[in-house]
Amino acid sequence: MLLSLPFLAISFFFISVVGSFFVTSFFQKIAKHFHIWDDPKSNPLRKKQHAPIPLLGGTGPAFVAIFFMSLLWLLNKYNPEFTAQFGINLEPFRLYWVLVAILILIIGGFLDDKLNIRPHWQVIPITAALLVTIFLGEVRIEALSYPFNSLLPHTPFLPEIITFIWLGFCIAATKFLDGHDGLVTTVGIVSMLTIGSVSLFSHVNQPLIFLFTVVWLGVFAGFLPFNFPNAKMYLGEGGSEIIGFVIGFLSILSGAKIATAGTVIGWFIIDLVLVWLLRILDRRNPLTSGDRLHWHFRLVDLGLSKVRVLVITTLILLVTAHAGLLFGTQEKLWLIGSQIVWVSTIFIITFSLSRFLPARKK
């Protein structure tokens, strides 16, 4: 008897939520026991919580997701009935190497959370994870939509380079975005809803990738109660990097709908680039400077509560994600262009207001 896709999706979502919640509780105790936490004294300009918050929040959900993705992959490979319904050819994609890349990010993030590694050393595990994903996991952007559709197949190593840049920006966006309670987790949830919807389009037809997104959606939802303002646990470096990585590689597997995923995470990539630009103009290191330039910090400093900033951001993401699903490629490019304008406008307005409302900076 073949299991239906809705039944599998609901089942895996439920067990992923429950598994993530309880495994996260376990890692919360580990973080407290070994004093792996985010101490506001380490960066008082950026961090405004009153007490240390345990890290490693993304580690438990990642292990749960790895387990259920592996289970789905094995069912798809060795169960004839499962393969008959969900065995869409994903060659040359190799899941086990992608899972190895996630483990590399977990280990690198753990070391950073525990030892507070310098930024130039943090790049090593991220680079290793991306190289494993691209060259061993065979995750590559093989095609682009008009007007770039004839570019990739005829240019050696260009698919690998573009994939590296895309995954790198996704990781950097969520890594540097992780300064507001619940924000990166919510970005992960909305992104999984978007990518999962794309994977069910008739011209994409990737039910296995849809089930992968359901698993990650479940583990993010199971972690959110710990991370919702005011957070009782933070993702940690590994957790924030993994969310960006998962958004990046699943968007590639779901028909290489990079522009669609960009309507969600594009806000934060643009924010990241603008913050880096401002730091460079201020003659500071764009990667290591501790400040409150990111848009969520700016909104909080202007007087909005953490919950309101999270709700506003989530509504924006849901609207643009919905538009990204409905629009064609050209319209998506216009949408991403409008995102650049909106984020830039927010930067200008909040910067101007901060000069007239200095008390809000406290």
Protein backbone atom coordinates (compact mmCIF):
# COMPACT_ATOMS: atom_id res chain seq x y z
CA MET A 1 0.00 0.00 0.00
CA LEU A 2 1.45 3.33 -1.08
CA LEU A 3 1.45 6.14 1.47
CA SER A 4 0.04 9.45 0.28
CA LEU A 5 2.18 12.57 0.20
CA PRO A 6 -0.14 14.51 2.57
CA PHE A 7 -0.01 11.67 5.12
CA LEU A 8 3.78 11.51 5.00
CA ALA A 9 4.09 15.29 5.18
CA ILE A 10 1.84 15.57 8.23
CA SER A 11 3.54 12.61 9.94
CA PHE A 12 7.09 13.83 9.39
CA PHE A 13 6.15 17.39 10.34
CA PHE A 14 4.63 16.25 13.64
CA ILE A 15 7.49 13.96 14.66
CA SER A 16 10.04 16.60 13.60
CA VAL A 17 8.37 19.22 15.80
CA VAL A 18 8.21 16.90 18.81
CA GLY A 19 11.73 15.54 18.28
CA SER A 20 13.19 19.02 17.84
CA PHE A 21 11.49 20.32 20.99
CA PHE A 22 12.76 17.56 23.27
CA VAL A 23 16.24 17.35 21.76
CA THR A 24 16.55 21.14 22.08
CA SER A 25 15.64 20.83 25.78
CA PHE A 26 18.51 18.34 26.13
CA PHE A 27 21.01 20.64 24.42
CA GLN A 28 19.80 23.54 26.55
CA LYS A 29 20.89 21.62 29.63
CA ILE A 30 24.24 20.80 28.01
CA ALA A 31 24.84 24.47 27.15
CA LYS A 32 24.04 25.55 30.71
CA HIS A 33 26.19 22.82 32.26
CA PHE A 34 29.26 23.66 30.18
CA HIS A 35 28.62 27.45 30.25
CA ILE A 36 28.17 27.67 26.49
CA TRP A 37 26.13 30.82 26.40
CA ASP A 38 25.84 34.31 24.98
CA ASP A 39 27.08 36.76 27.60
CA PRO A 40 25.88 40.36 27.14
CA LYS A 41 29.08 41.60 28.77
CA SER A 42 31.09 40.36 25.79
CA ASN A 43 29.55 43.01 23.50
CA PRO A 44 27.33 45.47 25.43
CA LEU A 45 26.84 47.70 22.36
CA ARG A 46 25.15 44.92 20.37
CA LYS A 47 23.69 42.63 23.04
CA LYS A 48 20.86 43.93 25.18
CA GLN A 49 19.69 40.85 27.12
CA HIS A 50 20.02 41.11 30.90
CA ALA A 51 21.56 37.68 31.54
CA PRO A 52 23.56 35.03 29.66
CA ILE A 53 21.44 32.97 27.21
CA PRO A 54 22.35 29.33 26.38
CA LEU A 55 23.62 28.67 22.86
CA LEU A 56 23.61 25.43 20.79
CA GLY A 57 19.90 25.94 20.03
CA GLY A 58 20.32 25.00 16.38
CA THR A 59 22.34 21.86 17.08
CA GLY A 60 19.50 19.65 18.34
CA PRO A 61 17.10 20.52 15.48
CA ALA A 62 19.90 19.92 12.97
CA PHE A 63 20.54 16.40 14.32
CA VAL A 64 16.80 15.64 14.22
CA ALA A 65 16.59 16.87 10.63
CA ILE A 66 19.66 14.83 9.62
CA PHE A 67 18.04 11.69 11.05
CA PHE A 68 14.70 12.12 9.28
CA MET A 69 16.27 13.22 5.99
CA SER A 70 18.44 10.10 6.09
CA LEU A 71 15.35 7.97 6.79
CA LEU A 72 13.51 9.48 3.82
CA TRP A 73 16.55 9.00 1.60
CA LEU A 74 16.89 5.32 2.59
CA LEU A 75 13.17 4.72 2.05
CA ASN A 76 13.45 6.32 -1.35
CA LYS A 77 16.47 4.22 -2.27
CA TYR A 78 15.57 0.79 -0.91
CA ASN A 79 11.77 0.64 -0.61
CA PRO A 80 10.23 -0.13 -4.05
CA GLU A 81 6.77 1.11 -3.03
CA PHE A 82 8.17 4.41 -1.75
CA THR A 83 10.35 4.81 -4.82
CA ALA A 84 7.40 4.19 -7.13
CA GLN A 85 5.70 7.31 -5.78
CA PHE A 86 8.52 9.60 -4.63
CA GLY A 87 11.58 8.32 -6.47
CA ILE A 88 12.10 11.27 -8.77
CA ASN A 89 15.64 11.08 -10.12
CA LEU A 90 17.89 13.43 -8.12
CA GLU A 91 21.19 12.32 -9.63
CA PRO A 92 23.95 13.29 -9.30
CA PHE A 93 22.94 14.78 -5.92
CA ARG A 94 24.43 12.80 -2.99
CA LEU A 95 22.65 13.50 0.28
CA TYR A 96 25.25 11.91 2.56
CA TRP A 97 27.89 14.45 1.56
CA VAL A 98 25.46 17.31 2.22
CA LEU A 99 24.85 15.82 5.68
CA VAL A 100 28.62 15.72 6.19
CA ALA A 101 28.71 19.42 5.31
CA ILE A 102 26.02 20.11 7.94
CA LEU A 103 28.08 18.19 10.51
CA ILE A 104 31.09 20.34 9.63
CA LEU A 105 29.02 23.46 10.29
CA ILE A 106 27.80 21.99 13.59
CA ILE A 107 31.35 21.25 14.75
CA GLY A 108 32.66 24.63 13.61
CA GLY A 109 29.75 26.41 15.29
CA PHE A 110 30.23 24.48 18.53
CA LEU A 111 33.91 25.40 18.67
CA ASP A 112 33.06 29.04 18.00
CA ASP A 113 30.32 29.12 20.67
CA LYS A 114 32.61 27.51 23.23
CA LEU A 115 35.96 29.12 22.39
CA ASN A 116 34.86 32.36 20.69
CA ILE A 117 37.04 31.76 17.64
CA ARG A 118 38.31 34.74 15.68
CA PRO A 119 36.38 35.55 12.45
CA HIS A 120 39.13 34.55 10.03
CA TRP A 121 39.18 31.04 11.56
CA GLN A 122 35.38 30.78 11.32
CA VAL A 123 35.67 30.90 7.54
CA ILE A 124 37.51 27.55 7.44
CA PRO A 125 34.61 25.20 8.40
CA ILE A 126 32.18 27.21 6.25
CA THR A 127 34.46 26.96 3.22
CA ALA A 128 35.04 23.25 3.83
CA ALA A 129 31.28 22.63 4.09
CA LEU A 130 30.62 24.46 0.83
CA LEU A 131 33.37 22.62 -1.05
CA VAL A 132 32.09 19.26 0.20
CA THR A 133 28.55 20.18 -0.86
CA ILE A 134 29.52 21.35 -4.33
CA PHE A 135 32.24 18.88 -5.36
CA LEU A 136 31.24 15.75 -3.42
CA GLY A 137 27.52 16.32 -2.90
CA GLU A 138 27.14 17.45 -6.53
CA VAL A 139 24.89 20.37 -5.57
CA ARG A 140 25.29 22.91 -8.35
CA ILE A 141 23.31 25.62 -10.06
CA GLU A 142 23.26 24.12 -13.53
CA ALA A 143 20.95 26.63 -15.21
CA LEU A 144 19.77 30.19 -14.87
CA SER A 145 16.67 31.85 -16.27
CA TYR A 146 16.66 34.46 -19.00
CA PRO A 147 18.80 36.45 -19.77
CA PHE A 148 21.52 34.20 -18.28
CA ASN A 149 20.15 30.87 -19.50
CA SER A 150 22.93 30.21 -22.03
CA LEU A 151 25.80 31.27 -19.78
CA LEU A 152 26.40 28.39 -17.33
CA PRO A 153 26.61 25.34 -19.62
CA HIS A 154 29.40 26.88 -21.69
CA THR A 155 31.64 28.35 -19.00
CA PRO A 156 33.97 25.98 -17.10
CA PHE A 157 33.63 26.11 -13.29
CA LEU A 158 31.09 28.94 -13.45
CA PRO A 159 28.29 26.74 -12.01
CA GLU A 160 30.53 25.85 -9.05
CA ILE A 161 31.54 29.48 -8.50
CA ILE A 162 27.95 30.77 -8.62
CA THR A 163 26.81 27.98 -6.29
CA PHE A 164 29.61 28.80 -3.84
CA ILE A 165 28.67 32.49 -3.88
CA TRP A 166 24.93 31.75 -3.46
CA LEU A 167 25.42 29.35 -0.56
CA GLY A 168 28.02 31.65 1.00
CA PHE A 169 25.68 34.64 0.94
CA CYS A 170 22.82 32.57 2.36
CA ILE A 171 25.02 31.45 5.27
CA ALA A 172 26.42 34.95 5.84
CA ALA A 173 22.93 36.50 5.80
CA THR A 174 21.54 34.23 8.53
CA LYS A 175 24.82 34.21 10.48
CA PHE A 176 24.95 38.00 10.80
CA LEU A 177 21.16 38.31 11.04
CA ASP A 178 21.08 36.22 14.21
CA GLY A 179 20.87 39.13 16.62
CA HIS A 180 17.12 39.32 17.15
CA ASP A 181 15.05 36.75 19.01
CA GLY A 182 13.21 34.38 16.68
CA LEU A 183 14.16 36.20 13.48
CA VAL A 184 16.45 33.67 11.80
CA THR A 185 14.19 30.80 12.88
CA THR A 186 11.21 32.58 11.32
CA VAL A 187 13.18 33.21 8.13
CA GLY A 188 13.86 29.47 8.03
CA ILE A 189 10.16 28.66 8.47
CA VAL A 190 8.96 31.03 5.74
CA SER A 191 11.76 29.86 3.41
CA MET A 192 10.81 26.20 3.89
CA LEU A 193 7.16 27.01 3.13
CA THR A 194 8.26 28.80 -0.04
CA ILE A 195 10.76 26.19 -1.25
CA GLY A 196 8.37 23.36 -0.38
CA SER A 197 5.64 25.01 -2.46
CA VAL A 198 8.02 25.37 -5.42
CA SER A 199 8.99 21.68 -5.22
CA LEU A 200 5.31 20.74 -5.73
CA PHE A 201 4.89 22.79 -8.91
CA SER A 202 3.99 20.52 -11.82
CA HIS A 203 7.04 21.54 -13.85
CA VAL A 204 9.35 20.84 -10.84
CA ASN A 205 7.65 17.77 -9.29
CA GLN A 206 10.12 16.96 -6.49
CA PRO A 207 8.03 15.29 -3.72
CA LEU A 208 11.14 14.05 -1.90
CA ILE A 209 12.53 17.60 -1.70
CA PHE A 210 9.12 18.69 -0.45
CA LEU A 211 9.37 16.14 2.37
CA PHE A 212 12.87 17.43 3.17
CA THR A 213 11.45 20.95 3.55
CA VAL A 214 8.66 19.56 5.77
CA VAL A 215 11.29 18.01 8.07
CA TRP A 216 13.21 21.29 8.37
CA LEU A 217 9.97 23.23 8.79
CA GLY A 218 9.10 20.91 11.68
CA VAL A 219 12.46 21.21 13.45
CA PHE A 220 12.40 25.01 13.14
CA ALA A 221 8.86 25.10 14.55
CA GLY A 222 9.93 22.83 17.42
CA PHE A 223 12.77 25.19 18.30
CA LEU A 224 10.80 28.45 17.96
CA PRO A 225 9.24 28.30 21.49
CA PHE A 226 12.78 28.47 22.91
CA ASN A 227 13.77 31.32 20.58
CA PHE A 228 10.64 33.50 20.55
CA PRO A 229 11.07 36.89 22.29
CA ASN A 230 12.27 37.00 24.96
CA ALA A 231 14.45 34.06 23.98
CA LYS A 232 15.37 31.32 26.43
CA MET A 233 17.92 29.88 23.98
CA TYR A 234 19.86 31.10 20.96
CA LEU A 235 20.71 29.24 17.77
CA GLY A 236 24.45 29.62 18.19
CA GLU A 237 26.86 30.10 15.31
CA GLY A 238 26.37 26.61 13.89
CA GLY A 239 22.58 26.84 14.05
CA SER A 240 22.36 30.21 12.29
CA GLU A 241 24.78 29.05 9.59
CA ILE A 242 22.88 25.80 9.03
CA ILE A 243 19.59 27.61 8.41
CA GLY A 244 21.16 29.71 5.66
CA PHE A 245 22.89 26.66 4.23
CA VAL A 246 19.65 24.64 4.14
CA ILE A 247 17.78 27.49 2.47
CA GLY A 248 20.52 27.71 -0.15
CA PHE A 249 20.91 24.05 -1.07
CA LEU A 250 17.20 23.14 -0.96
CA SER A 251 16.38 26.11 -3.21
CA ILE A 252 18.83 24.65 -5.73
CA LEU A 253 17.35 21.15 -5.55
CA SER A 254 13.80 22.45 -5.88
CA GLY A 255 14.33 23.32 -9.51
CA ALA A 256 17.06 25.91 -8.95
CA LYS A 257 14.45 28.54 -8.03
CA ILE A 258 17.07 30.92 -6.68
CA ALA A 259 15.00 34.02 -7.46
CA THR A 260 12.04 32.59 -5.52
CA ALA A 261 14.16 31.88 -2.44
CA GLY A 262 15.73 35.29 -2.94
CA THR A 263 12.37 36.96 -2.35
CA VAL A 264 12.63 35.68 1.24
CA ILE A 265 16.30 35.70 2.17
CA GLY A 266 17.10 38.50 -0.29
CA TRP A 267 15.99 41.10 2.27
CA PHE A 268 18.76 40.02 4.60
CA ILE A 269 21.42 39.60 1.93
CA ILE A 270 20.74 43.19 0.90
CA ASP A 271 20.81 44.28 4.56
CA LEU A 272 24.11 42.46 5.00
CA VAL A 273 25.71 44.12 1.96
CA LEU A 274 24.55 47.59 3.07
CA VAL A 275 25.89 47.06 6.59
CA TRP A 276 29.23 45.89 5.20
CA LEU A 277 29.32 48.96 2.92
CA LEU A 278 28.62 51.34 5.82
CA ARG A 279 31.37 49.74 7.91
CA ILE A 280 33.86 49.98 5.04
CA LEU A 281 32.96 53.65 4.51
CA ASP A 282 33.54 54.13 8.24
CA ARG A 283 36.95 52.44 7.81
CA ARG A 284 36.04 49.46 9.99
CA ASN A 285 36.34 45.74 9.38
CA PRO A 286 32.98 44.72 7.83
CA LEU A 287 33.16 41.20 9.29
CA THR A 288 34.20 41.83 12.87
CA SER A 289 32.69 45.18 13.84
CA GLY A 290 30.15 44.91 16.65
CA ASP A 291 27.34 47.42 16.13
CA ARG A 292 23.57 47.76 15.70
CA LEU A 293 23.39 48.70 12.03
CA HIS A 294 21.21 45.78 10.88
CA TRP A 295 17.61 46.81 10.24
CA HIS A 296 16.10 44.81 13.11
CA PHE A 297 18.47 46.53 15.55
CA ARG A 298 17.54 49.91 14.06
CA LEU A 299 13.81 49.28 14.52
CA VAL A 300 14.28 48.14 18.12
CA ASP A 301 16.45 51.17 18.88
CA LEU A 302 13.66 53.41 17.54
CA GLY A 303 11.31 52.02 20.18
CA LEU A 304 9.61 48.98 18.62
CA SER A 305 9.42 45.87 20.80
CA LYS A 306 11.16 42.67 19.75
CA VAL A 307 7.79 41.01 19.15
CA ARG A 308 6.59 43.84 16.91
CA VAL A 309 9.80 43.80 14.87
CA LEU A 310 9.44 40.03 14.46
CA VAL A 311 5.77 40.30 13.44
CA ILE A 312 6.45 43.11 10.94
CA THR A 313 9.37 41.23 9.42
CA THR A 314 7.36 38.00 9.18
CA LEU A 315 4.48 39.75 7.43
CA ILE A 316 6.89 41.30 4.93
CA LEU A 317 8.47 37.91 4.27
CA LEU A 318 5.10 36.20 3.80
CA VAL A 319 3.93 38.85 1.32
CA THR A 320 7.12 38.78 -0.76
CA ALA A 321 7.34 34.97 -0.61
CA HIS A 322 3.75 34.72 -1.88
CA ALA A 323 4.56 37.18 -4.66
CA GLY A 324 7.68 35.18 -5.51
CA LEU A 325 5.56 32.05 -5.97
CA LEU A 326 3.09 33.82 -8.27
CA PHE A 327 5.44 35.98 -10.31
CA GLY A 328 7.50 35.00 -13.32
CA THR A 329 11.27 35.43 -13.49
CA GLN A 330 11.19 38.99 -14.81
CA GLU A 331 8.67 40.07 -12.15
CA LYS A 332 10.81 38.43 -9.44
CA LEU A 333 13.77 40.52 -10.57
CA TRP A 334 11.63 43.63 -10.21
CA LEU A 335 10.56 42.41 -6.77
CA ILE A 336 14.17 41.92 -5.67
CA GLY A 337 14.95 45.38 -7.06
CA SER A 338 12.15 46.83 -4.94
CA GLN A 339 13.63 45.06 -1.91
CA ILE A 340 16.89 46.93 -2.46
CA VAL A 341 14.95 50.21 -2.53
CA TRP A 342 12.93 49.35 0.61
CA VAL A 343 15.91 48.21 2.68
CA SER A 344 17.90 51.27 1.60
CA THR A 345 14.95 53.49 2.55
CA ILE A 346 14.71 51.86 5.97
CA PHE A 347 18.43 52.51 6.47
CA ILE A 348 18.07 56.19 5.55
CA ILE A 349 14.96 56.77 7.66
CA THR A 350 16.23 54.99 10.76
CA PHE A 351 19.62 56.68 10.50
CA SER A 352 17.94 60.09 10.23
CA LEU A 353 15.58 59.41 13.15
CA SER A 354 18.40 58.10 15.33
CA ARG A 355 20.12 61.48 15.06
CA PHE A 356 17.02 63.24 16.40
CA LEU A 357 16.14 60.53 18.97
CA PRO A 358 19.48 59.77 20.67
CA ALA A 359 17.75 58.45 23.80
CA ARG A 360 16.46 55.46 21.87
CA LYS A 361 20.00 54.18 21.43
CA LYS A 362 20.27 53.14 25.06
